Amino acid sequence: MKSSYVSFTLNGEEKELLIEPGRRLVDVLREQCGATGTKNGCGQGSCGACTVHIDGVAMLSCLLPAELVDGSEIVTIEGVVRNRVLHVLQEAFLAQAATQCGFCTAGMIMAAKALLDCDPSPSRQAVIEALSGNVCRCTGYEPIIAAVLAAAATLAKRPAAAAAA
């Protein structure tokens, strides 16, 4: 098979890239697009460090051939920041000390954002389930769960238009 052009929107910017067949999305994002916040942890879909949003759905980019995202909208951790202002989840992770080494943080935030986008007021159990595909070796998860719940509480206090940002 030969390489083909793939077009997609990455963090609001149109991209058209020549992609080798079978090339993983995580590699294309990191090496061809410079979106290095998306980490290649296990390469087997077990750790969640490569979580991105594709057409609004949290997906593992290490398992996805890049040619399948043609026409899609992709958001990585770099796209969560708006106008150089951290997302409420990012602020909550900092405030709750939910980062240690930081390797898993982007994937955790992307998984949590997918949850909050669908359920702005999740239960503790819903947070645990939403993050179940993400592995952290440093924090013991409690600060991460607390950060997601704190972000949800902050979002609940905002007017609807501001919360959507």
N, C-alpha and C. Protein backbone atom coordinates (compact mmCIF):
# COMPACT_ATOMS: atom_id res chain seq x y z
N MET A 1 0.83 -1.17 0.00
CA MET A 1 0.00 0.00 0.00
C MET A 1 0.88 1.25 0.00
N LYS A 2 0.36 2.29 -0.60
CA LYS A 2 1.13 3.52 -0.63
C LYS A 2 0.53 4.57 0.30
N SER A 3 1.31 5.57 0.59
CA SER A 3 0.87 6.66 1.45
C SER A 3 -0.30 7.39 0.83
N SER A 4 -1.11 8.01 1.69
CA SER A 4 -2.26 8.77 1.20
C SER A 4 -2.39 10.05 2.02
N TYR A 5 -3.08 11.02 1.44
CA TYR A 5 -3.33 12.26 2.14
C TYR A 5 -4.55 12.10 3.05
N VAL A 6 -4.41 12.64 4.24
CA VAL A 6 -5.49 12.61 5.22
C VAL A 6 -5.71 14.06 5.68
N SER A 7 -6.96 14.48 5.67
CA SER A 7 -7.31 15.83 6.11
C SER A 7 -8.14 15.74 7.40
N PHE A 8 -7.82 16.58 8.35
CA PHE A 8 -8.56 16.65 9.59
C PHE A 8 -8.34 18.01 10.22
N THR A 9 -9.14 18.30 11.21
CA THR A 9 -8.98 19.53 11.99
C THR A 9 -8.33 19.14 13.31
N LEU A 10 -7.21 19.78 13.63
CA LEU A 10 -6.50 19.51 14.87
C LEU A 10 -6.51 20.78 15.71
N ASN A 11 -7.21 20.73 16.82
CA ASN A 11 -7.27 21.87 17.74
C ASN A 11 -7.67 23.15 17.01
N GLY A 12 -8.63 23.00 16.08
CA GLY A 12 -9.15 24.15 15.35
C GLY A 12 -8.40 24.53 14.09
N GLU A 13 -7.32 23.82 13.79
CA GLU A 13 -6.50 24.13 12.62
C GLU A 13 -6.60 23.00 11.59
N GLU A 14 -6.88 23.38 10.36
CA GLU A 14 -6.99 22.39 9.28
C GLU A 14 -5.62 21.79 8.97
N LYS A 15 -5.58 20.48 8.81
CA LYS A 15 -4.35 19.76 8.48
C LYS A 15 -4.60 18.87 7.27
N GLU A 16 -3.62 18.76 6.41
CA GLU A 16 -3.62 17.77 5.34
C GLU A 16 -2.22 17.19 5.30
N LEU A 17 -2.13 15.92 5.63
CA LEU A 17 -0.83 15.28 5.79
C LEU A 17 -0.74 14.03 4.93
N LEU A 18 0.45 13.77 4.46
CA LEU A 18 0.73 12.51 3.77
C LEU A 18 1.04 11.48 4.85
N ILE A 19 0.24 10.43 4.89
CA ILE A 19 0.33 9.42 5.96
C ILE A 19 0.70 8.07 5.37
N GLU A 20 1.68 7.44 5.97
CA GLU A 20 2.04 6.07 5.59
C GLU A 20 0.95 5.13 6.08
N PRO A 21 0.63 4.09 5.32
CA PRO A 21 -0.41 3.16 5.76
C PRO A 21 -0.07 2.51 7.10
N GLY A 22 -1.08 2.42 7.96
CA GLY A 22 -0.90 1.77 9.26
C GLY A 22 -0.24 2.63 10.31
N ARG A 23 0.14 3.85 9.97
CA ARG A 23 0.79 4.73 10.94
C ARG A 23 -0.21 5.11 12.03
N ARG A 24 0.21 4.98 13.27
CA ARG A 24 -0.67 5.26 14.40
C ARG A 24 -0.90 6.77 14.55
N LEU A 25 -2.12 7.13 14.94
CA LEU A 25 -2.45 8.53 15.13
C LEU A 25 -1.53 9.19 16.15
N VAL A 26 -1.21 8.51 17.24
CA VAL A 26 -0.34 9.11 18.26
C VAL A 26 0.99 9.55 17.65
N ASP A 27 1.54 8.76 16.74
CA ASP A 27 2.81 9.10 16.12
C ASP A 27 2.67 10.28 15.17
N VAL A 28 1.58 10.30 14.41
CA VAL A 28 1.33 11.42 13.49
C VAL A 28 1.16 12.71 14.29
N LEU A 29 0.38 12.66 15.36
CA LEU A 29 0.16 13.85 16.18
C LEU A 29 1.47 14.38 16.76
N ARG A 30 2.27 13.50 17.30
CA ARG A 30 3.52 13.91 17.93
C ARG A 30 4.58 14.33 16.91
N GLU A 31 4.78 13.51 15.88
CA GLU A 31 5.91 13.71 14.97
C GLU A 31 5.62 14.64 13.80
N GLN A 32 4.40 14.61 13.30
CA GLN A 32 4.08 15.43 12.14
C GLN A 32 3.34 16.71 12.51
N CYS A 33 2.68 16.71 13.66
CA CYS A 33 1.88 17.88 14.05
C CYS A 33 2.46 18.63 15.25
N GLY A 34 3.42 18.04 15.94
CA GLY A 34 4.03 18.69 17.09
C GLY A 34 3.16 18.68 18.34
N ALA A 35 2.12 17.88 18.36
CA ALA A 35 1.23 17.78 19.53
C ALA A 35 1.81 16.77 20.51
N THR A 36 2.88 17.17 21.18
CA THR A 36 3.63 16.24 22.03
C THR A 36 3.02 16.05 23.41
N GLY A 37 1.94 16.75 23.71
CA GLY A 37 1.25 16.51 24.97
C GLY A 37 0.59 15.15 24.99
N THR A 38 0.26 14.63 23.82
CA THR A 38 -0.29 13.28 23.69
C THR A 38 0.87 12.30 23.82
N LYS A 39 0.83 11.49 24.83
CA LYS A 39 1.97 10.60 25.12
C LYS A 39 1.73 9.19 24.57
N ASN A 40 2.82 8.55 24.17
CA ASN A 40 2.79 7.14 23.78
C ASN A 40 3.32 6.36 24.97
N GLY A 41 2.41 5.91 25.81
CA GLY A 41 2.80 5.21 27.02
C GLY A 41 3.07 3.74 26.76
N CYS A 42 2.02 2.99 26.54
CA CYS A 42 2.15 1.53 26.40
C CYS A 42 2.10 1.08 24.94
N GLY A 43 1.45 1.87 24.09
CA GLY A 43 1.30 1.48 22.69
C GLY A 43 0.35 0.31 22.49
N GLN A 44 -0.39 -0.06 23.54
CA GLN A 44 -1.29 -1.20 23.47
C GLN A 44 -2.71 -0.88 23.94
N GLY A 45 -2.99 0.38 24.20
CA GLY A 45 -4.32 0.77 24.65
C GLY A 45 -4.60 0.46 26.10
N SER A 46 -3.57 0.27 26.90
CA SER A 46 -3.78 -0.09 28.30
C SER A 46 -3.62 1.05 29.29
N CYS A 47 -2.92 2.13 28.90
CA CYS A 47 -2.59 3.14 29.90
C CYS A 47 -3.37 4.44 29.78
N GLY A 48 -3.88 4.77 28.60
CA GLY A 48 -4.68 5.98 28.43
C GLY A 48 -3.89 7.26 28.24
N ALA A 49 -2.57 7.21 28.26
CA ALA A 49 -1.76 8.42 28.12
C ALA A 49 -1.94 9.09 26.76
N CYS A 50 -2.42 8.34 25.79
CA CYS A 50 -2.58 8.84 24.42
C CYS A 50 -4.00 9.31 24.12
N THR A 51 -4.83 9.48 25.14
CA THR A 51 -6.23 9.84 24.94
C THR A 51 -6.37 11.20 24.27
N VAL A 52 -7.16 11.23 23.20
CA VAL A 52 -7.52 12.46 22.49
C VAL A 52 -9.02 12.41 22.23
N HIS A 53 -9.59 13.52 21.81
CA HIS A 53 -11.00 13.54 21.41
C HIS A 53 -11.07 13.53 19.89
N ILE A 54 -11.83 12.61 19.36
CA ILE A 54 -12.07 12.55 17.93
C ILE A 54 -13.57 12.69 17.73
N ASP A 55 -13.94 13.78 17.07
CA ASP A 55 -15.36 14.11 16.88
C ASP A 55 -16.12 14.06 18.20
N GLY A 56 -15.47 14.57 19.26
CA GLY A 56 -16.11 14.68 20.56
C GLY A 56 -16.07 13.44 21.43
N VAL A 57 -15.42 12.39 20.96
CA VAL A 57 -15.36 11.13 21.71
C VAL A 57 -13.92 10.86 22.15
N ALA A 58 -13.71 10.54 23.42
CA ALA A 58 -12.37 10.19 23.91
C ALA A 58 -11.95 8.87 23.30
N MET A 59 -10.78 8.87 22.67
CA MET A 59 -10.27 7.66 22.03
C MET A 59 -8.77 7.53 22.28
N LEU A 60 -8.29 6.30 22.21
CA LEU A 60 -6.87 6.01 22.39
C LEU A 60 -6.17 6.13 21.04
N SER A 61 -5.31 7.11 20.92
CA SER A 61 -4.67 7.37 19.63
C SER A 61 -3.56 6.37 19.29
N CYS A 62 -3.13 5.56 20.26
CA CYS A 62 -2.10 4.56 19.97
C CYS A 62 -2.68 3.35 19.24
N LEU A 63 -4.01 3.20 19.30
CA LEU A 63 -4.64 2.05 18.65
C LEU A 63 -5.26 2.40 17.30
N LEU A 64 -5.27 3.67 16.95
CA LEU A 64 -6.01 4.13 15.80
C LEU A 64 -5.10 4.43 14.61
N PRO A 65 -5.28 3.73 13.49
CA PRO A 65 -4.53 4.08 12.29
C PRO A 65 -4.92 5.49 11.85
N ALA A 66 -3.93 6.32 11.58
CA ALA A 66 -4.19 7.73 11.27
C ALA A 66 -5.06 7.93 10.04
N GLU A 67 -5.00 7.02 9.09
CA GLU A 67 -5.80 7.21 7.88
C GLU A 67 -7.30 7.16 8.16
N LEU A 68 -7.70 6.65 9.32
CA LEU A 68 -9.11 6.55 9.67
C LEU A 68 -9.70 7.86 10.20
N VAL A 69 -8.86 8.87 10.44
CA VAL A 69 -9.38 10.13 10.98
C VAL A 69 -9.66 11.15 9.89
N ASP A 70 -9.60 10.74 8.63
CA ASP A 70 -9.87 11.65 7.52
C ASP A 70 -11.24 12.31 7.72
N GLY A 71 -11.27 13.64 7.70
CA GLY A 71 -12.50 14.38 7.87
C GLY A 71 -12.91 14.62 9.31
N SER A 72 -12.14 14.16 10.26
CA SER A 72 -12.51 14.26 11.68
C SER A 72 -12.00 15.55 12.31
N GLU A 73 -12.60 15.84 13.46
CA GLU A 73 -12.11 16.93 14.31
C GLU A 73 -11.41 16.29 15.50
N ILE A 74 -10.14 16.63 15.67
CA ILE A 74 -9.33 16.05 16.74
C ILE A 74 -8.94 17.16 17.72
N VAL A 75 -9.09 16.87 19.01
CA VAL A 75 -8.64 17.79 20.04
C VAL A 75 -7.67 17.04 20.94
N THR A 76 -6.49 17.63 21.12
CA THR A 76 -5.49 17.10 22.03
C THR A 76 -5.42 18.01 23.25
N ILE A 77 -4.57 17.69 24.19
CA ILE A 77 -4.43 18.52 25.39
C ILE A 77 -4.05 19.95 25.02
N GLU A 78 -3.32 20.13 23.93
CA GLU A 78 -2.95 21.48 23.51
C GLU A 78 -4.17 22.30 23.11
N GLY A 79 -5.22 21.64 22.65
CA GLY A 79 -6.43 22.32 22.23
C GLY A 79 -7.41 22.61 23.35
N VAL A 80 -7.12 22.15 24.55
CA VAL A 80 -8.00 22.39 25.69
C VAL A 80 -7.80 23.81 26.22
N VAL A 81 -6.59 24.32 26.09
CA VAL A 81 -6.29 25.70 26.50
C VAL A 81 -6.96 26.65 25.51
N ARG A 82 -7.64 27.67 26.01
CA ARG A 82 -8.30 28.67 25.15
C ARG A 82 -7.71 30.04 25.43
N ASN A 83 -7.21 30.68 24.39
CA ASN A 83 -6.64 32.03 24.52
C ASN A 83 -5.62 32.11 25.65
N ARG A 84 -4.79 31.10 25.74
CA ARG A 84 -3.72 31.02 26.73
C ARG A 84 -4.23 30.94 28.16
N VAL A 85 -5.48 30.51 28.31
CA VAL A 85 -6.08 30.34 29.64
C VAL A 85 -6.33 28.85 29.84
N LEU A 86 -5.86 28.33 30.95
CA LEU A 86 -6.06 26.91 31.24
C LEU A 86 -7.53 26.59 31.39
N HIS A 87 -7.90 25.40 30.98
CA HIS A 87 -9.25 24.89 31.20
C HIS A 87 -9.44 24.66 32.70
N VAL A 88 -10.66 24.72 33.14
CA VAL A 88 -10.98 24.52 34.56
C VAL A 88 -10.43 23.17 35.07
N LEU A 89 -10.42 22.16 34.23
CA LEU A 89 -9.83 20.87 34.65
C LEU A 89 -8.34 20.99 34.90
N GLN A 90 -7.65 21.71 34.03
CA GLN A 90 -6.21 21.89 34.21
C GLN A 90 -5.93 22.65 35.50
N GLU A 91 -6.72 23.69 35.74
CA GLU A 91 -6.58 24.46 36.99
C GLU A 91 -6.84 23.56 38.20
N ALA A 92 -7.87 22.73 38.12
CA ALA A 92 -8.20 21.85 39.24
C ALA A 92 -7.11 20.82 39.48
N PHE A 93 -6.52 20.29 38.42
CA PHE A 93 -5.42 19.33 38.59
C PHE A 93 -4.26 19.99 39.34
N LEU A 94 -3.98 21.23 39.01
CA LEU A 94 -2.91 21.95 39.72
C LEU A 94 -3.29 22.19 41.17
N ALA A 95 -4.49 22.68 41.40
CA ALA A 95 -4.94 23.02 42.76
C ALA A 95 -5.02 21.80 43.66
N GLN A 96 -5.38 20.65 43.10
CA GLN A 96 -5.54 19.43 43.90
C GLN A 96 -4.27 18.58 43.95
N ALA A 97 -3.18 19.08 43.39
CA ALA A 97 -1.92 18.33 43.32
C ALA A 97 -2.15 16.96 42.67
N ALA A 98 -2.89 16.97 41.57
CA ALA A 98 -3.25 15.73 40.87
C ALA A 98 -2.21 15.34 39.82
N THR A 99 -1.08 16.00 39.86
CA THR A 99 0.00 15.63 38.95
C THR A 99 1.23 15.31 39.78
N GLN A 100 1.91 14.30 39.39
CA GLN A 100 3.19 13.99 40.03
C GLN A 100 4.25 14.08 38.94
N CYS A 101 4.51 12.98 38.25
CA CYS A 101 5.48 13.04 37.16
C CYS A 101 4.88 13.73 35.93
N GLY A 102 3.56 13.71 35.80
CA GLY A 102 2.88 14.39 34.71
C GLY A 102 2.68 13.59 33.45
N PHE A 103 3.25 12.40 33.36
CA PHE A 103 3.16 11.63 32.12
C PHE A 103 1.73 11.28 31.76
N CYS A 104 0.93 10.92 32.72
CA CYS A 104 -0.45 10.51 32.45
C CYS A 104 -1.43 11.66 32.43
N THR A 105 -1.00 12.84 32.86
CA THR A 105 -1.91 13.94 33.11
C THR A 105 -2.74 14.34 31.90
N ALA A 106 -2.13 14.47 30.75
CA ALA A 106 -2.88 14.89 29.55
C ALA A 106 -3.99 13.89 29.23
N GLY A 107 -3.67 12.61 29.29
CA GLY A 107 -4.68 11.59 29.02
C GLY A 107 -5.79 11.61 30.05
N MET A 108 -5.42 11.82 31.32
CA MET A 108 -6.43 11.91 32.39
C MET A 108 -7.36 13.09 32.15
N ILE A 109 -6.77 14.23 31.81
CA ILE A 109 -7.59 15.43 31.58
C ILE A 109 -8.50 15.23 30.38
N MET A 110 -8.00 14.61 29.33
CA MET A 110 -8.84 14.38 28.14
C MET A 110 -9.98 13.43 28.45
N ALA A 111 -9.72 12.39 29.22
CA ALA A 111 -10.79 11.45 29.62
C ALA A 111 -11.80 12.16 30.52
N ALA A 112 -11.30 12.96 31.45
CA ALA A 112 -12.19 13.69 32.36
C ALA A 112 -13.01 14.73 31.60
N LYS A 113 -12.41 15.39 30.64
CA LYS A 113 -13.14 16.40 29.87
C LYS A 113 -14.27 15.74 29.07
N ALA A 114 -14.00 14.57 28.52
CA ALA A 114 -15.06 13.85 27.79
C ALA A 114 -16.23 13.56 28.73
N LEU A 115 -15.92 13.17 29.96
CA LEU A 115 -16.98 12.93 30.94
C LEU A 115 -17.76 14.21 31.23
N LEU A 116 -17.05 15.28 31.54
CA LEU A 116 -17.72 16.53 31.91
C LEU A 116 -18.49 17.14 30.74
N ASP A 117 -18.03 16.89 29.53
CA ASP A 117 -18.77 17.37 28.36
C ASP A 117 -20.13 16.68 28.25
N CYS A 118 -20.20 15.42 28.69
CA CYS A 118 -21.46 14.65 28.63
C CYS A 118 -22.26 14.74 29.92
N ASP A 119 -21.55 14.80 31.03
CA ASP A 119 -22.20 14.81 32.34
C ASP A 119 -21.51 15.88 33.20
N PRO A 120 -22.01 17.10 33.18
CA PRO A 120 -21.33 18.18 33.89
C PRO A 120 -21.37 18.07 35.41
N SER A 121 -22.16 17.14 35.93
CA SER A 121 -22.25 16.96 37.37
C SER A 121 -22.15 15.48 37.73
N PRO A 122 -20.98 14.88 37.45
CA PRO A 122 -20.86 13.43 37.66
C PRO A 122 -20.72 13.04 39.12
N SER A 123 -21.10 11.83 39.42
CA SER A 123 -20.88 11.27 40.75
C SER A 123 -19.42 10.83 40.84
N ARG A 124 -18.98 10.58 42.05
CA ARG A 124 -17.62 10.06 42.25
C ARG A 124 -17.44 8.76 41.47
N GLN A 125 -18.45 7.89 41.51
CA GLN A 125 -18.37 6.62 40.80
C GLN A 125 -18.26 6.83 39.29
N ALA A 126 -18.98 7.81 38.76
CA ALA A 126 -18.89 8.11 37.32
C ALA A 126 -17.50 8.58 36.95
N VAL A 127 -16.88 9.37 37.82
CA VAL A 127 -15.50 9.83 37.57
C VAL A 127 -14.56 8.63 37.56
N ILE A 128 -14.69 7.77 38.53
CA ILE A 128 -13.84 6.58 38.61
C ILE A 128 -13.98 5.74 37.35
N GLU A 129 -15.21 5.54 36.90
CA GLU A 129 -15.44 4.74 35.69
C GLU A 129 -14.89 5.43 34.46
N ALA A 130 -15.04 6.75 34.36
CA ALA A 130 -14.54 7.49 33.20
C ALA A 130 -13.02 7.45 33.11
N LEU A 131 -12.37 7.38 34.25
CA LEU A 131 -10.90 7.36 34.28
C LEU A 131 -10.33 5.95 34.33
N SER A 132 -11.18 4.95 34.31
CA SER A 132 -10.72 3.57 34.50
C SER A 132 -9.76 3.09 33.41
N GLY A 133 -9.76 3.71 32.27
CA GLY A 133 -8.83 3.32 31.21
C GLY A 133 -7.51 4.08 31.25
N ASN A 134 -7.33 4.90 32.27
CA ASN A 134 -6.11 5.69 32.41
C ASN A 134 -5.33 5.24 33.64
N VAL A 135 -4.05 5.01 33.45
CA VAL A 135 -3.20 4.51 34.53
C VAL A 135 -2.28 5.62 35.02
N CYS A 136 -2.21 5.75 36.34
CA CYS A 136 -1.27 6.67 36.97
C CYS A 136 -0.46 5.87 37.99
N ARG A 137 0.84 6.00 37.93
CA ARG A 137 1.69 5.25 38.85
C ARG A 137 2.11 6.08 40.06
N CYS A 138 1.77 7.36 40.08
CA CYS A 138 2.31 8.25 41.11
C CYS A 138 1.32 8.75 42.14
N THR A 139 0.08 9.06 41.76
CA THR A 139 -0.79 9.83 42.65
C THR A 139 -1.69 9.01 43.54
N GLY A 140 -1.95 7.77 43.22
CA GLY A 140 -2.92 7.00 43.99
C GLY A 140 -4.35 7.35 43.63
N TYR A 141 -4.56 8.13 42.60
CA TYR A 141 -5.86 8.47 42.02
C TYR A 141 -6.72 9.42 42.84
N GLU A 142 -6.60 9.44 44.14
CA GLU A 142 -7.49 10.30 44.94
C GLU A 142 -7.39 11.78 44.54
N PRO A 143 -6.20 12.34 44.36
CA PRO A 143 -6.14 13.74 43.94
C PRO A 143 -6.74 13.96 42.54
N ILE A 144 -6.64 12.98 41.69
CA ILE A 144 -7.19 13.09 40.34
C ILE A 144 -8.72 13.11 40.41
N ILE A 145 -9.28 12.19 41.16
CA ILE A 145 -10.74 12.15 41.33
C ILE A 145 -11.22 13.46 41.96
N ALA A 146 -10.51 13.93 42.98
CA ALA A 146 -10.87 15.19 43.63
C ALA A 146 -10.81 16.35 42.64
N ALA A 147 -9.82 16.35 41.77
CA ALA A 147 -9.68 17.42 40.78
C ALA A 147 -10.84 17.43 39.80
N VAL A 148 -11.26 16.28 39.34
CA VAL A 148 -12.38 16.20 38.39
C VAL A 148 -13.66 16.66 39.07
N LEU A 149 -13.88 16.24 40.29
CA LEU A 149 -15.08 16.66 41.02
C LEU A 149 -15.04 18.17 41.32
N ALA A 150 -13.86 18.70 41.63
CA ALA A 150 -13.73 20.14 41.87
C ALA A 150 -14.00 20.92 40.59
N ALA A 151 -13.49 20.43 39.46
CA ALA A 151 -13.74 21.08 38.17
C ALA A 151 -15.23 21.08 37.85
N ALA A 152 -15.89 19.96 38.12
CA ALA A 152 -17.34 19.88 37.88
C ALA A 152 -18.07 20.90 38.75
N ALA A 153 -17.67 21.03 39.99
CA ALA A 153 -18.31 22.00 40.89
C ALA A 153 -18.08 23.42 40.39
N THR A 154 -16.89 23.71 39.92
CA THR A 154 -16.59 25.04 39.37
C THR A 154 -17.42 25.31 38.13
N LEU A 155 -17.51 24.33 37.25
CA LEU A 155 -18.30 24.50 36.03
C LEU A 155 -19.77 24.70 36.35
N ALA A 156 -20.27 24.07 37.40
CA ALA A 156 -21.68 24.20 37.77
C ALA A 156 -22.01 25.62 38.24
N LYS A 157 -21.00 26.34 38.73
CA LYS A 157 -21.21 27.70 39.21
C LYS A 157 -21.16 28.74 38.10
N ARG A 158 -20.68 28.34 36.91
CA ARG A 158 -20.54 29.27 35.79
C ARG A 158 -21.83 29.37 34.99
N PRO A 159 -22.05 30.52 34.36
CA PRO A 159 -23.16 30.60 33.40
C PRO A 159 -22.91 29.62 32.25
N ALA A 160 -23.96 29.13 31.62
CA ALA A 160 -23.86 28.09 30.59
C ALA A 160 -22.88 28.46 29.48
N ALA A 161 -22.88 29.70 28.99
CA ALA A 161 -21.99 30.09 27.90
C ALA A 161 -20.53 30.01 28.31
N ALA A 162 -20.21 30.42 29.54
CA ALA A 162 -18.83 30.37 30.01
C ALA A 162 -18.38 28.94 30.28
N ALA A 163 -19.27 28.09 30.74
CA ALA A 163 -18.93 26.70 31.05
C ALA A 163 -18.61 25.92 29.79
N ALA A 164 -19.18 26.30 28.66
CA ALA A 164 -18.94 25.58 27.41
C ALA A 164 -17.54 25.82 26.88
N ALA A 165 -16.86 26.84 27.35
CA ALA A 165 -15.52 27.18 26.85
C ALA A 165 -14.50 26.17 27.27
